[in-house]
Protein backbone atom coordinates (compact mmCIF):
# COMPACT_ATOMS: atom_id res chain seq x y z
CA MET A 1 20.91 -7.51 17.50
CA LEU A 2 21.73 -4.43 15.29
CA LYS A 3 20.81 -6.60 12.18
CA LEU A 4 17.45 -7.66 13.78
CA THR A 5 16.48 -4.02 14.48
CA GLY A 6 17.40 -2.92 11.11
CA ARG A 7 15.40 -5.41 9.43
CA THR A 8 12.28 -4.90 11.34
CA VAL A 9 12.70 -1.07 10.86
CA ILE A 10 12.74 -1.41 7.13
CA GLY A 11 10.04 -3.76 7.15
CA ALA A 12 7.69 -1.11 8.62
CA LEU A 13 8.85 1.33 6.10
CA ALA A 14 8.16 -1.38 3.48
CA VAL A 15 4.61 -2.40 4.41
CA ALA A 16 3.57 1.40 5.00
CA THR A 17 4.29 2.08 1.44
CA ALA A 18 2.59 -1.11 0.29
CA VAL A 19 -0.59 0.18 1.43
CA VAL A 20 -1.18 1.58 -1.82
CA GLY A 21 -1.68 -1.71 -3.33
CA SER A 22 -4.61 -2.53 -1.02
CA VAL A 23 -6.80 0.09 -2.61
CA ALA A 24 -5.28 -0.30 -6.31
CA PHE A 25 -8.73 -1.53 -7.38
CA ALA A 26 -11.16 1.01 -7.07
CA GLY A 27 -12.70 1.94 -10.09
CA ALA A 28 -15.77 0.50 -12.00
CA GLY A 29 -18.18 1.19 -14.87
CA THR A 30 -18.01 3.78 -17.76
CA GLY A 31 -17.71 7.14 -15.90
CA MET A 32 -14.04 7.09 -14.68
CA ALA A 33 -13.57 10.70 -13.86
CA ALA A 34 -13.45 10.46 -9.80
CA THR A 35 -10.27 10.88 -7.63
CA LYS A 36 -10.57 10.12 -3.88
CA SER A 37 -7.94 9.92 -1.08
CA LEU A 38 -7.65 8.23 2.18
CA THR A 39 -5.08 8.88 5.10
CA LEU A 40 -4.81 5.66 7.12
CA ALA A 41 -2.62 4.83 10.36
CA TYR A 42 -0.57 1.51 10.41
CA SER A 43 0.94 -0.34 13.17
CA CYS A 44 4.47 -2.06 12.77
CA PRO A 45 6.42 -3.98 15.27
CA PHE A 46 10.03 -2.72 16.00
CA PRO A 47 12.29 -5.04 18.26
CA LEU A 48 13.93 -2.87 21.24
CA ILE A 49 12.00 0.44 19.98
CA GLY A 50 8.77 -1.04 20.42
CA THR A 51 5.71 -0.89 17.98
CA GLN A 52 5.82 2.37 15.75
CA ASP A 53 2.92 4.20 13.76
CA MET A 54 2.87 5.40 10.20
CA THR A 55 0.41 7.23 8.22
CA VAL A 56 0.01 6.89 4.63
CA ARG A 57 -1.80 9.12 2.04
CA ILE A 58 -3.82 7.08 -0.68
CA THR A 59 -5.04 8.77 -3.85
CA VAL A 60 -6.92 6.80 -6.29
CA ALA A 61 -7.45 8.30 -9.63
CA ASP A 62 -9.97 7.31 -12.61
CA LEU A 63 -12.55 6.04 -10.24
CA ALA A 64 -15.92 4.94 -12.01
CA ASP A 65 -19.36 5.76 -10.62
CA SER A 66 -21.06 2.59 -11.90
CA ALA A 67 -20.45 -0.98 -13.42
CA VAL A 68 -22.42 -3.73 -15.27
CA VAL A 69 -22.68 -7.20 -14.34
CA GLY A 70 -20.44 -9.51 -16.39
CA GLN A 71 -18.45 -6.55 -18.12
CA PRO A 72 -14.68 -6.09 -16.87
CA VAL A 73 -14.06 -2.77 -15.34
CA PRO A 74 -10.89 -0.99 -16.32
CA PRO A 75 -8.13 -0.59 -13.52
CA THR A 76 -7.44 2.57 -11.75
CA ARG A 77 -4.29 4.87 -11.22
CA VAL A 78 -2.77 4.65 -7.58
CA THR A 79 -0.39 6.87 -5.44
CA ALA A 80 0.68 6.30 -2.05
CA ILE A 81 2.87 8.54 -0.05
CA ALA A 82 3.84 7.08 3.11
CA THR A 83 5.47 9.10 6.12
CA VAL A 84 8.47 7.15 7.45
CA PRO A 85 9.24 8.09 11.06
CA SER A 86 12.63 9.07 12.34
CA SER A 87 13.08 5.93 14.43
CA ALA A 88 12.89 3.92 11.00
CA THR A 89 15.40 6.29 9.51
CA LEU A 90 17.81 5.45 12.31
CA GLY A 91 17.38 1.77 11.77
CA LEU A 92 17.95 2.21 7.87
CA ARG A 93 21.23 4.17 8.69
CA LEU A 94 22.64 1.88 11.33
CA VAL A 95 22.50 -0.86 8.51
CA GLY A 96 24.44 1.49 6.19
CA ALA A 97 21.31 1.96 3.94
CA THR A 98 21.44 5.38 1.83
CA THR A 99 18.57 4.16 -0.53
CA VAL A 100 15.55 1.79 -0.81
CA GLU A 101 13.35 0.66 -3.44
CA GLY A 102 11.07 -2.56 -4.06
CA THR A 103 7.71 -3.76 -4.80
CA ALA A 104 4.55 -4.44 -2.87
CA VAL A 105 1.61 -7.03 -3.06
CA ALA A 106 -1.73 -5.96 -1.47
CA SER A 107 -5.43 -6.91 -1.17
CA THR A 108 -8.57 -4.96 -1.15
CA ALA A 109 -11.88 -6.44 0.13
CA VAL A 110 -14.30 -5.73 -2.44
CA ASP A 111 -17.90 -6.26 -1.63
CA ASN A 112 -20.31 -6.75 -4.65
CA ALA A 113 -23.80 -6.72 -3.12
CA GLY A 114 -22.74 -9.40 -0.44
CA ALA A 115 -20.33 -11.30 -2.76
CA VAL A 116 -16.84 -10.27 -1.29
CA GLN A 117 -13.74 -10.83 -3.44
CA ASP A 118 -10.07 -10.18 -2.64
CA VAL A 119 -8.48 -8.24 -5.13
CA VAL A 120 -4.75 -8.20 -5.39
CA ALA A 121 -2.75 -5.08 -6.49
CA ASN A 122 0.86 -5.03 -7.55
CA LEU A 123 2.94 -1.95 -6.76
CA VAL A 124 6.53 -0.53 -7.43
CA VAL A 125 8.28 1.53 -4.58
CA ALA A 126 10.46 4.01 -6.09
CA LYS A 127 13.80 4.28 -5.07
CA THR A 128 14.23 6.90 -2.36
CA ASN A 129 16.86 8.67 -0.82
CA ILE A 130 17.08 8.02 3.08
CA PRO A 131 17.98 11.05 4.85
CA ALA A 132 20.63 11.35 7.49
CA SER A 133 18.05 11.79 10.47
CA GLY A 134 14.24 12.60 10.78
CA SER A 135 11.33 11.37 8.91
CA PHE A 136 11.00 11.02 4.98
CA ASN A 137 8.29 10.11 2.50
CA THR A 138 8.21 7.28 0.20
CA ILE A 139 6.09 6.99 -3.07
CA ALA A 140 4.41 3.70 -4.48
CA THR A 141 2.52 3.41 -7.72
CA GLY A 142 0.65 0.55 -9.38
CA GLY A 143 -2.85 -1.15 -9.91
CA THR A 144 -4.56 -4.17 -10.71
CA ALA A 145 -5.97 -6.23 -13.45
CA PRO A 146 -9.68 -5.77 -14.79
CA VAL A 147 -12.27 -6.97 -12.44
CA THR A 148 -15.91 -8.62 -13.35
CA PHE A 149 -18.87 -8.53 -11.25
CA THR A 150 -21.36 -11.23 -10.57
CA ARG A 151 -24.47 -9.46 -8.69
CA ALA A 152 -26.21 -6.15 -9.11
CA GLY A 153 -26.42 -3.61 -6.45
CA THR A 154 -24.28 -1.40 -4.17
CA THR A 155 -20.41 -2.13 -3.96
CA THR A 156 -17.94 -1.00 -1.54
CA VAL A 157 -14.01 -0.98 -1.73
CA ARG A 158 -12.27 -1.09 1.43
CA VAL A 159 -8.58 -0.96 2.27
CA GLY A 160 -7.03 -4.21 3.50
CA ALA A 161 -3.91 -6.10 4.25
CA PHE A 162 -0.67 -5.92 2.37
CA SER A 163 3.23 -7.10 2.20
CA THR A 164 6.12 -5.57 0.49
CA THR A 165 9.49 -6.62 -0.72
CA LEU A 166 12.24 -4.23 -0.39
CA THR A 167 15.95 -3.94 -1.00
CA PRO A 168 18.14 -1.17 1.02
CA ARG A 169 21.10 -0.33 -0.62
CA ARG A 170 24.48 1.40 0.22
CA ALA A 171 25.70 4.64 -1.30
CA ASP A 172 27.81 2.28 -3.66
CA GLY A 173 24.67 0.29 -4.77
CA SER A 174 25.74 -2.72 -2.97
CA LEU A 175 23.34 -4.54 -0.36
CA THR A 176 23.28 -4.13 3.19
CA GLY A 177 23.14 -7.16 5.75
CA LEU A 178 19.50 -7.20 5.23
CA GLY A 179 19.63 -8.13 1.86
CA THR A 180 16.15 -8.18 0.10
CA PHE A 181 13.22 -9.17 2.17
CA THR A 182 9.41 -9.41 2.55
CA ALA A 183 7.59 -7.98 5.51
CA PRO A 184 3.76 -7.39 6.88
CA CYS A 185 1.99 -4.84 8.61
CA THR A 186 -1.43 -4.12 10.00
CA LEU A 187 -4.19 -1.33 9.78
CA LYS A 188 -4.61 0.32 13.37
CA PRO A 189 -8.08 -0.45 14.75
CA ASN A 190 -11.23 1.85 14.62
CA GLN A 191 -10.58 3.71 11.30
CA ASN A 192 -12.63 4.06 8.33
CA THR A 193 -11.28 2.03 5.45
CA LEU A 194 -14.02 2.59 3.30
CA LEU A 195 -12.39 4.38 -0.06
CA HIS A 196 -15.22 4.20 -2.60
CA THR A 197 -18.78 3.01 -3.18
CA PHE A 198 -20.91 2.61 -6.39
CA THR A 199 -23.46 0.49 -8.05
CA VAL A 200 -23.41 -2.44 -10.05
CA SER A 201 -26.18 -2.68 -12.70
CA ALA A 202 -27.75 -5.86 -14.10
CA ALA A 203 -26.66 -6.83 -17.54
């Protein structure tokens, strides 16, 4: 039972940091100068302790204010700071973990004038020390490959779902009983997930 609890707690931590990937694509066009941030709440299920909520502060740099049909847009730079609750810290410590690190894959809904595409982002979750108790922050960074649009008109970028693969380790660097695993998480309802809006012009 302890192993299951630790796995789920860490899984919630993992996906919280992974949310960065869901907005890794946000830039378009030629004028990349804007930086925008969005804070969202995520709901992650825990056995025994029940469902826990986490917040993630997402900051995206190099956002463009325009794009042209048929011309690839460059990637953006993304940083996400996830606040891990004390209950997750307890679960990590119970399985002997002192650090956690990994990767994340996330999707973003990009609505290009009615043509919606799922843009996948790949992120790296930096190695993070786990405190003895209390909440702590994790940082994930990454981005996406260039994207090309097919329609002229208003285009929006909304944060979506994600998954992440994490490896918790003991102080000597060895794996805990959880090994390396992948876990999902969901956005809490009734939130504004719109990160960016820009215009795509005809070629």
